[in-house]
Amino acid sequence: MAHIGILSVLDKEGVPIDMITGTSTGVVVGAFYAQGKHTGHIKELTPDLGWKEIAPLLDLSLPQSGLIKAGKSRTYWRHLSAAI
């Protein structure tokens, strides 16, 4: 929620954003914002994403390059992005 709040304040104050980066949840919020999604729309999604909703998206990939392959979550976020 902090990511969305910061973007909302920057929008409200008219601060131009010329670059977006992020890790973990920040990259998801940043990706939606970079697609032109309004912070209000992004905020609507967050209450529904608790651990019960996120856990099925974690496809562990030990001992490869990282802990999570992100295939399932990538599919989820693409579907969600298309719906907004």
C-alpha atoms as a PDB file:
ATOM      1  CA  MET A   1       0.000   0.000   0.000  1.00  0.00           C
ATOM      2  CA  ALA A   2       2.923   2.368   0.634  1.00  0.00           C
ATOM      3  CA  HIS A   3       3.969   2.192  -3.025  1.00  0.00           C
ATOM      4  CA  ILE A   4       0.498   3.199  -4.153  1.00  0.00           C
ATOM      5  CA  GLY A   5       0.278   5.991  -1.573  1.00  0.00           C
ATOM      6  CA  ILE A   6       3.560   7.491  -2.704  1.00  0.00           C
ATOM      7  CA  LEU A   7       2.515   7.409  -6.357  1.00  0.00           C
ATOM      8  CA  SER A   8      -0.826   9.001  -5.434  1.00  0.00           C
ATOM      9  CA  VAL A   9       0.881  11.891  -3.639  1.00  0.00           C
ATOM     10  CA  LEU A  10       3.339  12.419  -6.498  1.00  0.00           C
ATOM     11  CA  ASP A  11       0.413  12.524  -8.943  1.00  0.00           C
ATOM     12  CA  LYS A  12      -1.541  14.913  -6.722  1.00  0.00           C
ATOM     13  CA  GLU A  13       1.436  17.261  -6.389  1.00  0.00           C
ATOM     14  CA  GLY A  14       2.195  17.134 -10.109  1.00  0.00           C
ATOM     15  CA  VAL A  15       5.650  15.628  -9.668  1.00  0.00           C
ATOM     16  CA  PRO A  16       6.694  14.150 -13.019  1.00  0.00           C
ATOM     17  CA  ILE A  17       7.873  10.534 -13.019  1.00  0.00           C
ATOM     18  CA  ASP A  18      10.348   9.695 -15.759  1.00  0.00           C
ATOM     19  CA  MET A  19      11.591   6.322 -14.490  1.00  0.00           C
ATOM     20  CA  ILE A  20      10.060   3.446 -12.564  1.00  0.00           C
ATOM     21  CA  THR A  21      11.998   0.619 -10.914  1.00  0.00           C
ATOM     22  CA  GLY A  22      11.138  -1.829  -8.211  1.00  0.00           C
ATOM     23  CA  THR A  23      11.605  -5.185  -6.580  1.00  0.00           C
ATOM     24  CA  SER A  24       9.093  -7.628  -5.185  1.00  0.00           C
ATOM     25  CA  THR A  25       5.705  -5.922  -4.734  1.00  0.00           C
ATOM     26  CA  GLY A  26       7.159  -2.619  -5.893  1.00  0.00           C
ATOM     27  CA  VAL A  27       7.768  -4.006  -9.357  1.00  0.00           C
ATOM     28  CA  VAL A  28       4.132  -5.101  -9.623  1.00  0.00           C
ATOM     29  CA  VAL A  29       2.815  -1.688  -8.594  1.00  0.00           C
ATOM     30  CA  GLY A  30       5.384   0.012 -10.824  1.00  0.00           C
ATOM     31  CA  ALA A  31       4.419  -2.142 -13.797  1.00  0.00           C
ATOM     32  CA  PHE A  32       0.736  -1.302 -13.425  1.00  0.00           C
ATOM     33  CA  TYR A  33       1.563   2.381 -13.038  1.00  0.00           C
ATOM     34  CA  ALA A  34       3.855   2.313 -16.074  1.00  0.00           C
ATOM     35  CA  GLN A  35       0.989   0.843 -18.085  1.00  0.00           C
ATOM     36  CA  GLY A  36      -1.022   3.939 -17.256  1.00  0.00           C
ATOM     37  CA  LYS A  37      -3.195   2.352 -14.600  1.00  0.00           C
ATOM     38  CA  HIS A  38      -4.560   4.947 -12.172  1.00  0.00           C
ATOM     39  CA  THR A  39      -3.463   4.491  -8.567  1.00  0.00           C
ATOM     40  CA  GLY A  40      -7.099   4.136  -7.528  1.00  0.00           C
ATOM     41  CA  HIS A  41      -7.447   1.073  -9.748  1.00  0.00           C
ATOM     42  CA  ILE A  42      -4.238  -0.422  -8.422  1.00  0.00           C
ATOM     43  CA  LYS A  43      -5.366   0.201  -4.839  1.00  0.00           C
ATOM     44  CA  GLU A  44      -8.623  -1.668  -5.486  1.00  0.00           C
ATOM     45  CA  LEU A  45      -6.621  -4.841  -6.140  1.00  0.00           C
ATOM     46  CA  THR A  46      -4.521  -4.873  -2.988  1.00  0.00           C
ATOM     47  CA  PRO A  47      -7.087  -5.749  -0.284  1.00  0.00           C
ATOM     48  CA  ASP A  48      -7.804  -9.060  -2.034  1.00  0.00           C
ATOM     49  CA  LEU A  49      -4.174 -10.157  -1.997  1.00  0.00           C
ATOM     50  CA  GLY A  50      -3.441 -11.811   1.323  1.00  0.00           C
ATOM     51  CA  TRP A  51      -1.144 -14.778   1.915  1.00  0.00           C
ATOM     52  CA  LYS A  52      -3.929 -17.211   0.985  1.00  0.00           C
ATOM     53  CA  GLU A  53      -4.149 -15.615  -2.460  1.00  0.00           C
ATOM     54  CA  ILE A  54      -0.404 -15.186  -2.956  1.00  0.00           C
ATOM     55  CA  ALA A  55       0.802 -18.614  -1.721  1.00  0.00           C
ATOM     56  CA  PRO A  56      -0.561 -20.560  -4.737  1.00  0.00           C
ATOM     57  CA  LEU A  57       1.375 -18.203  -7.030  1.00  0.00           C
ATOM     58  CA  LEU A  58       4.747 -19.149  -5.525  1.00  0.00           C
ATOM     59  CA  ASP A  59       6.313 -21.875  -7.630  1.00  0.00           C
ATOM     60  CA  LEU A  60       9.555 -22.617  -5.774  1.00  0.00           C
ATOM     61  CA  SER A  61      12.619 -23.360  -7.864  1.00  0.00           C
ATOM     62  CA  LEU A  62      15.410 -24.446  -5.506  1.00  0.00           C
ATOM     63  CA  PRO A  63      18.367 -24.683  -6.088  1.00  0.00           C
ATOM     64  CA  GLN A  64      18.269 -22.785  -9.374  1.00  0.00           C
ATOM     65  CA  SER A  65      18.859 -19.066  -9.877  1.00  0.00           C
ATOM     66  CA  GLY A  66      16.213 -17.934  -7.404  1.00  0.00           C
ATOM     67  CA  LEU A  67      13.624 -19.069  -4.926  1.00  0.00           C
ATOM     68  CA  ILE A  68      10.619 -18.457  -7.157  1.00  0.00           C
ATOM     69  CA  LYS A  69      10.249 -19.127 -10.889  1.00  0.00           C
ATOM     70  CA  ALA A  70       7.420 -16.572 -11.110  1.00  0.00           C
ATOM     71  CA  GLY A  71       5.617 -18.397 -13.918  1.00  0.00           C
ATOM     72  CA  LYS A  72       2.338 -18.692 -12.026  1.00  0.00           C
ATOM     73  CA  SER A  73       2.473 -15.169 -10.663  1.00  0.00           C
ATOM     74  CA  ARG A  74       3.408 -13.757 -14.084  1.00  0.00           C
ATOM     75  CA  THR A  75       0.301 -15.383 -15.575  1.00  0.00           C
ATOM     76  CA  TYR A  76      -1.843 -14.062 -12.718  1.00  0.00           C
ATOM     77  CA  TRP A  77      -0.607 -10.465 -13.056  1.00  0.00           C
ATOM     78  CA  ARG A  78      -1.007 -10.495 -16.851  1.00  0.00           C
ATOM     79  CA  HIS A  79      -4.596 -11.669 -16.465  1.00  0.00           C
ATOM     80  CA  LEU A  80      -5.277  -9.072 -13.786  1.00  0.00           C
ATOM     81  CA  SER A  81      -3.659  -6.312 -15.831  1.00  0.00           C
ATOM     82  CA  ALA A  82      -5.833  -7.119 -18.828  1.00  0.00           C
ATOM     83  CA  ALA A  83      -8.951  -6.919 -16.656  1.00  0.00           C
ATOM     84  CA  ILE A  84      -8.250  -3.388 -15.440  1.00  0.00           C
END
